[in-house]
Amino acid sequence: MWGGRVMATYRIGLTGNIATGKSLVLKRLSELGAYCLDGDELAHDCLLPGHPAVAAVVRRFGTGVLAAEGQVNRAALAAIVFRDGQALADLEAILHPYVIDEIERRLAEAAPAVAAIEAIKLLEASLASRCQAVWVVTCSRERQLERLMGRRGFSEPEAIVRLEAQPPAEMKVVRADVLLENDGSVGDLLATVAAEWSEIQAGVAPGQDGALGTPERCQGTWTVREGAHWATAEPLGPGSYRLAVDWPSRLSRLCRPLLPALEREAAASGAAHLTLRVPAKTGYRQFLKGMGYREGENGGRERGEVSFSRIL
């Protein structure tokens, strides 16, 4: 219940590329009280003997992916799909309908107040449309390689193959309602999860009662608000702004409506480019790249800033 009212299940769709920290976030959400489902585990269940998906997998990939016990040999299957984009897409097309059906069955049975669904293909499998908020966990490519090689024991070539088999992180980051940047400590990540959980409990998280505002201009500065949170674009000159958010996990959600307003104003001023100066952090970089901006070579005006621009 929130504010004395019984609410339907608030669904968090949790995603991110490999080795970004999704499982850590899901574990913490479970500890906080969310009903959690791991899409990867459900997909693995589809490869067990007797599941109808197994026959479809064998038809597509051949009997060489079967283990002696009649279940799918996941290592053999991974060796195929992580080196062939079409093969990976075919496997996902086989498994995703079964996974979605099982998620819906379990949620209908449990009827929790808050549910978190982790799925690396949340956006591609249309699961995002079944959730109130999309949470994206991200980090730098260097941290992904470090985790794959250190914690999972992959060689560097093996780790690179897995990274390159996935869509760029930017494609997920631009869709985020809650963006969890995991380049720092575990404590930092979990503190952000706890803060977002408090927003859910207060009924003010994305997809609950609040509404994302439209960009407003006051004394030259553009602002977008949602509840207590805001993003601003401070003018630095014709077609140039410094972008900032008060709550970094809302970066993508707040800035998506802000950028078109800045582009229109910059074009009206006669500027050939829109230039944005932002903190030199992974989340900002990935978001702006996903929105079609290019990082400049000379950094930002201030220490710790980077510059991005887009032709108008």
C-alpha atoms as a PDB file:
ATOM      1  CA  MET A   1       0.000   0.000   0.000  1.00  0.00           C
ATOM      2  CA  TRP A   2       1.086   3.595  -0.669  1.00  0.00           C
ATOM      3  CA  GLY A   3      -0.604   6.435   1.143  1.00  0.00           C
ATOM      4  CA  GLY A   4      -3.323   4.109   2.465  1.00  0.00           C
ATOM      5  CA  ARG A   5      -4.356   2.940  -1.024  1.00  0.00           C
ATOM      6  CA  VAL A   6      -4.017  -0.584  -2.381  1.00  0.00           C
ATOM      7  CA  MET A   7      -2.013  -0.442  -5.596  1.00  0.00           C
ATOM      8  CA  ALA A   8      -1.559  -2.832  -8.493  1.00  0.00           C
ATOM      9  CA  THR A   9       1.889  -4.356  -8.863  1.00  0.00           C
ATOM     10  CA  TYR A  10       4.526  -1.740  -9.621  1.00  0.00           C
ATOM     11  CA  ARG A  11       6.819  -3.418 -12.131  1.00  0.00           C
ATOM     12  CA  ILE A  12      10.486  -2.529 -12.487  1.00  0.00           C
ATOM     13  CA  GLY A  13      12.091  -3.741 -15.696  1.00  0.00           C
ATOM     14  CA  LEU A  14      15.787  -4.157 -14.910  1.00  0.00           C
ATOM     15  CA  THR A  15      18.299  -4.407 -17.726  1.00  0.00           C
ATOM     16  CA  GLY A  16      21.830  -3.587 -18.810  1.00  0.00           C
ATOM     17  CA  ASN A  17      24.612  -5.246 -20.719  1.00  0.00           C
ATOM     18  CA  ILE A  18      26.769  -8.097 -19.436  1.00  0.00           C
ATOM     19  CA  ALA A  19      28.881  -7.542 -16.302  1.00  0.00           C
ATOM     20  CA  THR A  20      27.343  -4.187 -15.399  1.00  0.00           C
ATOM     21  CA  GLY A  21      25.864  -5.269 -12.055  1.00  0.00           C
ATOM     22  CA  LYS A  22      22.242  -6.204 -12.788  1.00  0.00           C
ATOM     23  CA  SER A  23      22.270  -9.244 -10.509  1.00  0.00           C
ATOM     24  CA  LEU A  24      23.611  -7.178  -7.622  1.00  0.00           C
ATOM     25  CA  VAL A  25      20.784  -4.673  -8.060  1.00  0.00           C
ATOM     26  CA  LEU A  26      18.194  -7.455  -8.285  1.00  0.00           C
ATOM     27  CA  LYS A  27      19.522  -9.050  -5.087  1.00  0.00           C
ATOM     28  CA  ARG A  28      19.279  -5.741  -3.229  1.00  0.00           C
ATOM     29  CA  LEU A  29      15.739  -5.132  -4.484  1.00  0.00           C
ATOM     30  CA  SER A  30      14.796  -8.579  -3.196  1.00  0.00           C
ATOM     31  CA  GLU A  31      16.265  -7.735   0.211  1.00  0.00           C
ATOM     32  CA  LEU A  32      14.254  -4.510   0.265  1.00  0.00           C
ATOM     33  CA  GLY A  33      11.027  -6.412  -0.387  1.00  0.00           C
ATOM     34  CA  ALA A  34      10.521  -6.625  -4.153  1.00  0.00           C
ATOM     35  CA  TYR A  35       9.303  -9.850  -5.758  1.00  0.00           C
ATOM     36  CA  CYS A  36      12.159 -10.606  -8.130  1.00  0.00           C
ATOM     37  CA  LEU A  37      12.334 -12.617 -11.320  1.00  0.00           C
ATOM     38  CA  ASP A  38      15.527 -13.372 -13.237  1.00  0.00           C
ATOM     39  CA  GLY A  39      14.847 -13.623 -16.959  1.00  0.00           C
ATOM     40  CA  ASP A  40      18.145 -15.429 -17.562  1.00  0.00           C
ATOM     41  CA  GLU A  41      17.225 -18.152 -15.060  1.00  0.00           C
ATOM     42  CA  LEU A  42      13.813 -18.544 -16.659  1.00  0.00           C
ATOM     43  CA  ALA A  43      15.477 -18.815 -20.080  1.00  0.00           C
ATOM     44  CA  HIS A  44      17.808 -21.490 -18.707  1.00  0.00           C
ATOM     45  CA  ASP A  45      14.768 -23.426 -17.459  1.00  0.00           C
ATOM     46  CA  CYS A  46      13.555 -23.487 -21.056  1.00  0.00           C
ATOM     47  CA  LEU A  47      16.627 -25.548 -21.975  1.00  0.00           C
ATOM     48  CA  LEU A  48      15.903 -28.374 -19.516  1.00  0.00           C
ATOM     49  CA  PRO A  49      14.686 -31.799 -20.711  1.00  0.00           C
ATOM     50  CA  GLY A  50      10.984 -31.919 -21.508  1.00  0.00           C
ATOM     51  CA  HIS A  51      10.507 -28.208 -22.086  1.00  0.00           C
ATOM     52  CA  PRO A  52       8.857 -27.497 -25.464  1.00  0.00           C
ATOM     53  CA  ALA A  53      11.557 -24.956 -26.311  1.00  0.00           C
ATOM     54  CA  VAL A  54      14.209 -27.693 -26.483  1.00  0.00           C
ATOM     55  CA  ALA A  55      12.764 -29.231 -29.639  1.00  0.00           C
ATOM     56  CA  ALA A  56      12.728 -25.817 -31.348  1.00  0.00           C
ATOM     57  CA  VAL A  57      16.343 -25.165 -30.304  1.00  0.00           C
ATOM     58  CA  VAL A  58      17.445 -28.529 -31.734  1.00  0.00           C
ATOM     59  CA  ARG A  59      15.586 -27.872 -34.982  1.00  0.00           C
ATOM     60  CA  ARG A  60      17.432 -24.576 -35.369  1.00  0.00           C
ATOM     61  CA  PHE A  61      20.902 -25.505 -34.081  1.00  0.00           C
ATOM     62  CA  GLY A  62      21.138 -29.264 -34.548  1.00  0.00           C
ATOM     63  CA  THR A  63      21.657 -32.189 -32.202  1.00  0.00           C
ATOM     64  CA  GLY A  64      25.214 -31.043 -31.487  1.00  0.00           C
ATOM     65  CA  VAL A  65      23.862 -28.660 -28.840  1.00  0.00           C
ATOM     66  CA  LEU A  66      22.309 -31.523 -26.844  1.00  0.00           C
ATOM     67  CA  ALA A  67      23.996 -33.033 -23.784  1.00  0.00           C
ATOM     68  CA  ALA A  68      23.781 -36.746 -23.034  1.00  0.00           C
ATOM     69  CA  GLU A  69      20.958 -36.206 -20.539  1.00  0.00           C
ATOM     70  CA  GLY A  70      18.717 -34.652 -23.189  1.00  0.00           C
ATOM     71  CA  GLN A  71      19.075 -31.085 -22.009  1.00  0.00           C
ATOM     72  CA  VAL A  72      20.693 -28.345 -24.044  1.00  0.00           C
ATOM     73  CA  ASN A  73      24.433 -27.968 -23.565  1.00  0.00           C
ATOM     74  CA  ARG A  74      24.534 -24.254 -22.795  1.00  0.00           C
ATOM     75  CA  ALA A  75      28.287 -23.976 -23.397  1.00  0.00           C
ATOM     76  CA  ALA A  76      27.954 -25.483 -26.873  1.00  0.00           C
ATOM     77  CA  LEU A  77      25.005 -23.234 -27.646  1.00  0.00           C
ATOM     78  CA  ALA A  78      26.848 -20.140 -26.352  1.00  0.00           C
ATOM     79  CA  ALA A  79      29.825 -20.950 -28.587  1.00  0.00           C
ATOM     80  CA  ILE A  80      27.484 -20.615 -31.574  1.00  0.00           C
ATOM     81  CA  VAL A  81      25.294 -17.652 -30.680  1.00  0.00           C
ATOM     82  CA  PHE A  82      27.939 -15.325 -29.276  1.00  0.00           C
ATOM     83  CA  ARG A  83      29.744 -15.420 -32.618  1.00  0.00           C
ATOM     84  CA  ASP A  84      26.715 -15.128 -34.883  1.00  0.00           C
ATOM     85  CA  GLY A  85      24.260 -12.273 -34.469  1.00  0.00           C
ATOM     86  CA  GLN A  86      21.517 -13.985 -36.467  1.00  0.00           C
ATOM     87  CA  ALA A  87      21.889 -17.180 -34.428  1.00  0.00           C
ATOM     88  CA  LEU A  88      21.546 -15.172 -31.213  1.00  0.00           C
ATOM     89  CA  ALA A  89      18.427 -13.429 -32.547  1.00  0.00           C
ATOM     90  CA  ASP A  90      16.944 -16.808 -33.531  1.00  0.00           C
ATOM     91  CA  LEU A  91      17.570 -18.232 -30.061  1.00  0.00           C
ATOM     92  CA  GLU A  92      15.953 -15.221 -28.431  1.00  0.00           C
ATOM     93  CA  ALA A  93      12.924 -15.525 -30.718  1.00  0.00           C
ATOM     94  CA  ILE A  94      12.491 -19.124 -29.537  1.00  0.00           C
ATOM     95  CA  LEU A  95      12.920 -18.463 -25.808  1.00  0.00           C
ATOM     96  CA  HIS A  96      11.361 -15.035 -25.207  1.00  0.00           C
ATOM     97  CA  PRO A  97       7.675 -16.020 -25.605  1.00  0.00           C
ATOM     98  CA  TYR A  98       8.100 -18.822 -23.052  1.00  0.00           C
ATOM     99  CA  VAL A  99       9.927 -16.501 -20.637  1.00  0.00           C
ATOM    100  CA  ILE A 100       7.252 -13.784 -20.919  1.00  0.00           C
ATOM    101  CA  ASP A 101       4.457 -16.298 -20.339  1.00  0.00           C
ATOM    102  CA  GLU A 102       6.201 -17.624 -17.232  1.00  0.00           C
ATOM    103  CA  ILE A 103       6.787 -14.113 -15.873  1.00  0.00           C
ATOM    104  CA  GLU A 104       3.115 -13.236 -16.287  1.00  0.00           C
ATOM    105  CA  ARG A 105       2.023 -16.515 -14.697  1.00  0.00           C
ATOM    106  CA  ARG A 106       4.204 -15.974 -11.630  1.00  0.00           C
ATOM    107  CA  LEU A 107       3.208 -12.344 -11.193  1.00  0.00           C
ATOM    108  CA  ALA A 108      -0.484 -13.183 -11.454  1.00  0.00           C
ATOM    109  CA  GLU A 109      -0.046 -15.885  -8.827  1.00  0.00           C
ATOM    110  CA  ALA A 110       2.045 -13.816  -6.382  1.00  0.00           C
ATOM    111  CA  ALA A 111       0.346 -10.407  -6.914  1.00  0.00           C
ATOM    112  CA  PRO A 112       3.186  -8.492  -5.193  1.00  0.00           C
ATOM    113  CA  ALA A 113       3.176  -4.774  -4.450  1.00  0.00           C
ATOM    114  CA  VAL A 114       6.513  -4.313  -6.227  1.00  0.00           C
ATOM    115  CA  ALA A 115       8.122  -6.667  -8.731  1.00  0.00           C
ATOM    116  CA  ALA A 116      11.516  -6.458 -10.414  1.00  0.00           C
ATOM    117  CA  ILE A 117      12.109  -8.344 -13.648  1.00  0.00           C
ATOM    118  CA  GLU A 118      15.728  -8.655 -14.724  1.00  0.00           C
ATOM    119  CA  ALA A 119      16.249  -9.324 -18.421  1.00  0.00           C
ATOM    120  CA  ILE A 120      19.241  -8.439 -20.557  1.00  0.00           C
ATOM    121  CA  LYS A 121      16.842  -8.248 -23.531  1.00  0.00           C
ATOM    122  CA  LEU A 122      14.102  -6.376 -21.666  1.00  0.00           C
ATOM    123  CA  LEU A 123      13.768  -3.752 -24.387  1.00  0.00           C
ATOM    124  CA  GLU A 124      14.201  -6.043 -27.362  1.00  0.00           C
ATOM    125  CA  ALA A 125      11.669  -8.590 -26.051  1.00  0.00           C
ATOM    126  CA  SER A 126       8.974  -5.935 -25.447  1.00  0.00           C
ATOM    127  CA  LEU A 127       9.004  -6.657 -21.713  1.00  0.00           C
ATOM    128  CA  ALA A 128       9.601  -2.952 -21.070  1.00  0.00           C
ATOM    129  CA  SER A 129       6.069  -2.143 -22.201  1.00  0.00           C
ATOM    130  CA  ARG A 130       4.787  -4.351 -19.364  1.00  0.00           C
ATOM    131  CA  CYS A 131       6.648  -2.329 -16.710  1.00  0.00           C
ATOM    132  CA  GLN A 132       6.035   1.033 -15.061  1.00  0.00           C
ATOM    133  CA  ALA A 133       9.741   1.918 -15.064  1.00  0.00           C
ATOM    134  CA  VAL A 134      12.842   0.774 -16.904  1.00  0.00           C
ATOM    135  CA  TRP A 135      15.975   0.571 -14.765  1.00  0.00           C
ATOM    136  CA  VAL A 136      19.264   0.372 -16.671  1.00  0.00           C
ATOM    137  CA  VAL A 137      22.540  -0.581 -15.002  1.00  0.00           C
ATOM    138  CA  THR A 138      25.605   0.614 -16.870  1.00  0.00           C
ATOM    139  CA  CYS A 139      29.345   1.083 -16.538  1.00  0.00           C
ATOM    140  CA  SER A 140      32.363   1.714 -18.708  1.00  0.00           C
ATOM    141  CA  ARG A 141      33.591  -0.937 -21.128  1.00  0.00           C
ATOM    142  CA  GLU A 142      36.824  -1.122 -19.118  1.00  0.00           C
ATOM    143  CA  ARG A 143      34.905  -2.127 -16.000  1.00  0.00           C
ATOM    144  CA  GLN A 144      32.945  -4.742 -17.950  1.00  0.00           C
ATOM    145  CA  LEU A 145      36.167  -6.320 -19.225  1.00  0.00           C
ATOM    146  CA  GLU A 146      37.670  -6.211 -15.753  1.00  0.00           C
ATOM    147  CA  ARG A 147      34.680  -8.031 -14.257  1.00  0.00           C
ATOM    148  CA  LEU A 148      34.405 -10.636 -17.022  1.00  0.00           C
ATOM    149  CA  MET A 149      38.082 -11.490 -16.802  1.00  0.00           C
ATOM    150  CA  GLY A 150      38.461 -11.213 -13.023  1.00  0.00           C
ATOM    151  CA  ARG A 151      35.230 -12.578 -11.584  1.00  0.00           C
ATOM    152  CA  ARG A 152      34.080 -14.862 -14.384  1.00  0.00           C
ATOM    153  CA  GLY A 153      37.458 -16.107 -15.540  1.00  0.00           C
ATOM    154  CA  PHE A 154      37.164 -15.293 -19.236  1.00  0.00           C
ATOM    155  CA  SER A 155      40.244 -14.612 -21.297  1.00  0.00           C
ATOM    156  CA  GLU A 156      40.348 -11.154 -22.877  1.00  0.00           C
ATOM    157  CA  PRO A 157      39.348 -12.476 -26.346  1.00  0.00           C
ATOM    158  CA  GLU A 158      36.443 -14.429 -24.805  1.00  0.00           C
ATOM    159  CA  ALA A 159      35.305 -11.364 -22.881  1.00  0.00           C
ATOM    160  CA  ILE A 160      35.472  -9.157 -25.972  1.00  0.00           C
ATOM    161  CA  VAL A 161      33.403 -11.657 -27.977  1.00  0.00           C
ATOM    162  CA  ARG A 162      30.648 -11.461 -25.363  1.00  0.00           C
ATOM    163  CA  LEU A 163      30.751  -7.674 -25.196  1.00  0.00           C
ATOM    164  CA  GLU A 164      30.581  -7.284 -28.954  1.00  0.00           C
ATOM    165  CA  ALA A 165      27.680  -9.737 -29.256  1.00  0.00           C
ATOM    166  CA  GLN A 166      25.461  -7.230 -27.426  1.00  0.00           C
ATOM    167  CA  PRO A 167      23.936  -3.967 -28.620  1.00  0.00           C
ATOM    168  CA  PRO A 168      25.795  -0.804 -27.524  1.00  0.00           C
ATOM    169  CA  ALA A 169      24.982   0.258 -23.968  1.00  0.00           C
ATOM    170  CA  GLU A 170      23.786   3.608 -25.344  1.00  0.00           C
ATOM    171  CA  MET A 171      20.704   1.910 -26.814  1.00  0.00           C
ATOM    172  CA  LYS A 172      19.561   0.947 -23.323  1.00  0.00           C
ATOM    173  CA  VAL A 173      20.728   4.075 -21.503  1.00  0.00           C
ATOM    174  CA  VAL A 174      18.600   6.412 -23.631  1.00  0.00           C
ATOM    175  CA  ARG A 175      15.492   4.398 -22.674  1.00  0.00           C
ATOM    176  CA  ALA A 176      16.138   4.468 -18.921  1.00  0.00           C
ATOM    177  CA  ASP A 177      13.702   5.884 -16.385  1.00  0.00           C
ATOM    178  CA  VAL A 178      16.235   5.063 -13.673  1.00  0.00           C
ATOM    179  CA  LEU A 179      19.910   4.963 -14.677  1.00  0.00           C
ATOM    180  CA  LEU A 180      22.288   3.186 -12.290  1.00  0.00           C
ATOM    181  CA  GLU A 181      25.912   3.950 -13.094  1.00  0.00           C
ATOM    182  CA  ASN A 182      28.160   1.245 -11.643  1.00  0.00           C
ATOM    183  CA  ASP A 183      31.686   2.550 -12.161  1.00  0.00           C
ATOM    184  CA  GLY A 184      32.154   3.256  -8.451  1.00  0.00           C
ATOM    185  CA  SER A 185      31.902   1.145  -5.323  1.00  0.00           C
ATOM    186  CA  VAL A 186      29.264  -1.455  -4.511  1.00  0.00           C
ATOM    187  CA  GLY A 187      28.204   0.798  -1.662  1.00  0.00           C
ATOM    188  CA  ASP A 188      27.536   3.678  -4.039  1.00  0.00           C
ATOM    189  CA  LEU A 189      25.410   1.473  -6.284  1.00  0.00           C
ATOM    190  CA  LEU A 190      23.372   0.030  -3.427  1.00  0.00           C
ATOM    191  CA  ALA A 191      22.829   3.493  -1.939  1.00  0.00           C
ATOM    192  CA  THR A 192      21.261   4.600  -5.220  1.00  0.00           C
ATOM    193  CA  VAL A 193      19.040   1.508  -5.265  1.00  0.00           C
ATOM    194  CA  ALA A 194      17.914   2.293  -1.700  1.00  0.00           C
ATOM    195  CA  ALA A 195      17.142   5.904  -2.628  1.00  0.00           C
ATOM    196  CA  GLU A 196      15.034   4.796  -5.598  1.00  0.00           C
ATOM    197  CA  TRP A 197      13.266   2.240  -3.396  1.00  0.00           C
ATOM    198  CA  SER A 198      12.322   5.048  -1.011  1.00  0.00           C
ATOM    199  CA  GLU A 199      10.793   6.922  -3.946  1.00  0.00           C
ATOM    200  CA  ILE A 200       8.680   3.867  -4.792  1.00  0.00           C
ATOM    201  CA  GLN A 201       7.486   3.546  -1.201  1.00  0.00           C
ATOM    202  CA  ALA A 202       6.578   7.241  -1.180  1.00  0.00           C
ATOM    203  CA  GLY A 203       4.590   6.828  -4.423  1.00  0.00           C
ATOM    204  CA  VAL A 204       6.670   9.333  -6.376  1.00  0.00           C
ATOM    205  CA  ALA A 205       8.781   7.026  -8.572  1.00  0.00           C
ATOM    206  CA  PRO A 206       8.558   7.091 -12.389  1.00  0.00           C
ATOM    207  CA  GLY A 207       5.294   5.581 -13.542  1.00  0.00           C
ATOM    208  CA  GLN A 208       3.444   6.223 -10.271  1.00  0.00           C
ATOM    209  CA  ASP A 209       1.396   9.348  -9.517  1.00  0.00           C
ATOM    210  CA  GLY A 210       3.779  12.029 -10.753  1.00  0.00           C
ATOM    211  CA  ALA A 211       4.037  13.421 -14.267  1.00  0.00           C
ATOM    212  CA  LEU A 212       7.168  14.449 -16.124  1.00  0.00           C
ATOM    213  CA  GLY A 213       7.002  18.162 -16.787  1.00  0.00           C
ATOM    214  CA  THR A 214       7.628  19.980 -20.053  1.00  0.00           C
ATOM    215  CA  PRO A 215      10.783  22.078 -20.519  1.00  0.00           C
ATOM    216  CA  GLU A 216      10.442  25.660 -19.275  1.00  0.00           C
ATOM    217  CA  ARG A 217      12.752  28.614 -19.889  1.00  0.00           C
ATOM    218  CA  CYS A 218      13.404  31.214 -17.191  1.00  0.00           C
ATOM    219  CA  GLN A 219      16.071  33.919 -17.512  1.00  0.00           C
ATOM    220  CA  GLY A 220      17.720  31.905 -20.255  1.00  0.00           C
ATOM    221  CA  THR A 221      18.007  28.648 -18.339  1.00  0.00           C
ATOM    222  CA  TRP A 222      15.906  25.664 -19.365  1.00  0.00           C
ATOM    223  CA  THR A 223      14.488  23.362 -16.675  1.00  0.00           C
ATOM    224  CA  VAL A 224      12.536  20.099 -16.657  1.00  0.00           C
ATOM    225  CA  ARG A 225      11.005  18.863 -13.403  1.00  0.00           C
ATOM    226  CA  GLU A 226       9.425  15.699 -12.122  1.00  0.00           C
ATOM    227  CA  GLY A 227       8.352  15.931  -8.519  1.00  0.00           C
ATOM    228  CA  ALA A 228      11.355  17.107  -6.506  1.00  0.00           C
ATOM    229  CA  HIS A 229      13.846  16.308  -9.268  1.00  0.00           C
ATOM    230  CA  TRP A 230      15.113  18.501 -12.076  1.00  0.00           C
ATOM    231  CA  ALA A 231      17.458  18.847 -15.024  1.00  0.00           C
ATOM    232  CA  THR A 232      18.774  22.207 -16.194  1.00  0.00           C
ATOM    233  CA  ALA A 233      20.546  23.584 -19.247  1.00  0.00           C
ATOM    234  CA  GLU A 234      22.452  26.787 -18.490  1.00  0.00           C
ATOM    235  CA  PRO A 235      23.298  28.900 -21.575  1.00  0.00           C
ATOM    236  CA  LEU A 236      27.011  29.466 -22.218  1.00  0.00           C
ATOM    237  CA  GLY A 237      26.663  31.191 -25.571  1.00  0.00           C
ATOM    238  CA  PRO A 238      24.710  30.769 -28.825  1.00  0.00           C
ATOM    239  CA  GLY A 239      23.997  27.080 -29.239  1.00  0.00           C
ATOM    240  CA  SER A 240      26.006  26.107 -26.129  1.00  0.00           C
ATOM    241  CA  TYR A 241      24.715  24.926 -22.727  1.00  0.00           C
ATOM    242  CA  ARG A 242      25.914  23.281 -19.526  1.00  0.00           C
ATOM    243  CA  LEU A 243      23.663  20.306 -18.703  1.00  0.00           C
ATOM    244  CA  ALA A 244      23.092  19.128 -15.121  1.00  0.00           C
ATOM    245  CA  VAL A 245      20.680  16.970 -13.105  1.00  0.00           C
ATOM    246  CA  ASP A 246      20.080  16.981  -9.372  1.00  0.00           C
ATOM    247  CA  TRP A 247      19.493  13.210  -9.172  1.00  0.00           C
ATOM    248  CA  PRO A 248      21.925  11.361 -11.487  1.00  0.00           C
ATOM    249  CA  SER A 249      19.768   8.249 -11.717  1.00  0.00           C
ATOM    250  CA  ARG A 250      17.086  10.354 -13.479  1.00  0.00           C
ATOM    251  CA  LEU A 251      19.525  11.658 -16.102  1.00  0.00           C
ATOM    252  CA  SER A 252      17.952   9.956 -19.114  1.00  0.00           C
ATOM    253  CA  ARG A 253      14.334  10.453 -18.077  1.00  0.00           C
ATOM    254  CA  LEU A 254      14.695  14.172 -17.387  1.00  0.00           C
ATOM    255  CA  CYS A 255      16.970  15.034 -20.298  1.00  0.00           C
ATOM    256  CA  ARG A 256      15.044  13.241 -23.062  1.00  0.00           C
ATOM    257  CA  PRO A 257      12.436  16.051 -23.290  1.00  0.00           C
ATOM    258  CA  LEU A 258      15.032  18.769 -22.634  1.00  0.00           C
ATOM    259  CA  LEU A 259      17.291  18.171 -25.635  1.00  0.00           C
ATOM    260  CA  PRO A 260      14.672  18.906 -28.340  1.00  0.00           C
ATOM    261  CA  ALA A 261      13.931  22.276 -26.713  1.00  0.00           C
ATOM    262  CA  LEU A 262      17.646  23.149 -26.736  1.00  0.00           C
ATOM    263  CA  GLU A 263      17.995  22.050 -30.356  1.00  0.00           C
ATOM    264  CA  ARG A 264      15.098  24.278 -31.428  1.00  0.00           C
ATOM    265  CA  GLU A 265      16.479  27.275 -29.567  1.00  0.00           C
ATOM    266  CA  ALA A 266      19.994  26.772 -30.910  1.00  0.00           C
ATOM    267  CA  ALA A 267      18.691  26.463 -34.472  1.00  0.00           C
ATOM    268  CA  ALA A 268      16.605  29.617 -34.047  1.00  0.00           C
ATOM    269  CA  SER A 269      19.735  31.494 -32.912  1.00  0.00           C
ATOM    270  CA  GLY A 270      21.492  30.585 -36.155  1.00  0.00           C
ATOM    271  CA  ALA A 271      23.960  28.166 -34.539  1.00  0.00           C
ATOM    272  CA  ALA A 272      25.192  25.362 -36.784  1.00  0.00           C
ATOM    273  CA  HIS A 273      25.753  23.017 -33.839  1.00  0.00           C
ATOM    274  CA  LEU A 274      24.270  22.396 -30.413  1.00  0.00           C
ATOM    275  CA  THR A 275      27.083  21.962 -27.900  1.00  0.00           C
ATOM    276  CA  LEU A 276      26.583  20.531 -24.421  1.00  0.00           C
ATOM    277  CA  ARG A 277      29.072  20.541 -21.566  1.00  0.00           C
ATOM    278  CA  VAL A 278      28.478  17.751 -19.060  1.00  0.00           C
ATOM    279  CA  PRO A 279      30.261  15.939 -16.206  1.00  0.00           C
ATOM    280  CA  ALA A 280      32.858  13.470 -17.499  1.00  0.00           C
ATOM    281  CA  LYS A 281      30.909  10.411 -16.379  1.00  0.00           C
ATOM    282  CA  THR A 282      29.879   7.216 -18.131  1.00  0.00           C
ATOM    283  CA  GLY A 283      26.144   7.851 -17.810  1.00  0.00           C
ATOM    284  CA  TYR A 284      26.268  11.278 -19.474  1.00  0.00           C
ATOM    285  CA  ARG A 285      28.586  10.020 -22.208  1.00  0.00           C
ATOM    286  CA  GLN A 286      26.449   7.006 -23.064  1.00  0.00           C
ATOM    287  CA  PHE A 287      23.199   8.960 -22.936  1.00  0.00           C
ATOM    288  CA  LEU A 288      24.386  11.684 -25.282  1.00  0.00           C
ATOM    289  CA  LYS A 289      25.973   9.219 -27.697  1.00  0.00           C
ATOM    290  CA  GLY A 290      22.681   7.357 -27.748  1.00  0.00           C
ATOM    291  CA  MET A 291      20.903  10.611 -28.575  1.00  0.00           C
ATOM    292  CA  GLY A 292      23.136  11.180 -31.594  1.00  0.00           C
ATOM    293  CA  TYR A 293      25.772  13.527 -30.112  1.00  0.00           C
ATOM    294  CA  ARG A 294      29.516  13.235 -30.662  1.00  0.00           C
ATOM    295  CA  GLU A 295      32.118  13.759 -27.974  1.00  0.00           C
ATOM    296  CA  GLY A 296      34.526  16.595 -28.628  1.00  0.00           C
ATOM    297  CA  GLU A 297      38.282  16.172 -28.577  1.00  0.00           C
ATOM    298  CA  ASN A 298      39.059  19.140 -26.338  1.00  0.00           C
ATOM    299  CA  GLY A 299      36.965  18.278 -23.303  1.00  0.00           C
ATOM    300  CA  GLY A 300      34.870  20.841 -21.473  1.00  0.00           C
ATOM    301  CA  ARG A 301      35.484  24.329 -20.219  1.00  0.00           C
ATOM    302  CA  GLU A 302      35.886  23.230 -16.599  1.00  0.00           C
ATOM    303  CA  ARG A 303      37.927  20.426 -15.073  1.00  0.00           C
ATOM    304  CA  GLY A 304      35.932  17.188 -14.998  1.00  0.00           C
ATOM    305  CA  GLU A 305      33.734  18.217 -17.937  1.00  0.00           C
ATOM    306  CA  VAL A 306      33.421  16.863 -21.445  1.00  0.00           C
ATOM    307  CA  SER A 307      31.835  18.444 -24.479  1.00  0.00           C
ATOM    308  CA  PHE A 308      29.319  16.902 -26.875  1.00  0.00           C
ATOM    309  CA  SER A 309      27.862  18.401 -30.027  1.00  0.00           C
ATOM    310  CA  ARG A 310      25.346  17.709 -32.754  1.00  0.00           C
ATOM    311  CA  ILE A 311      24.879  19.289 -36.175  1.00  0.00           C
ATOM    312  CA  LEU A 312      21.550  21.072 -36.408  1.00  0.00           C
END
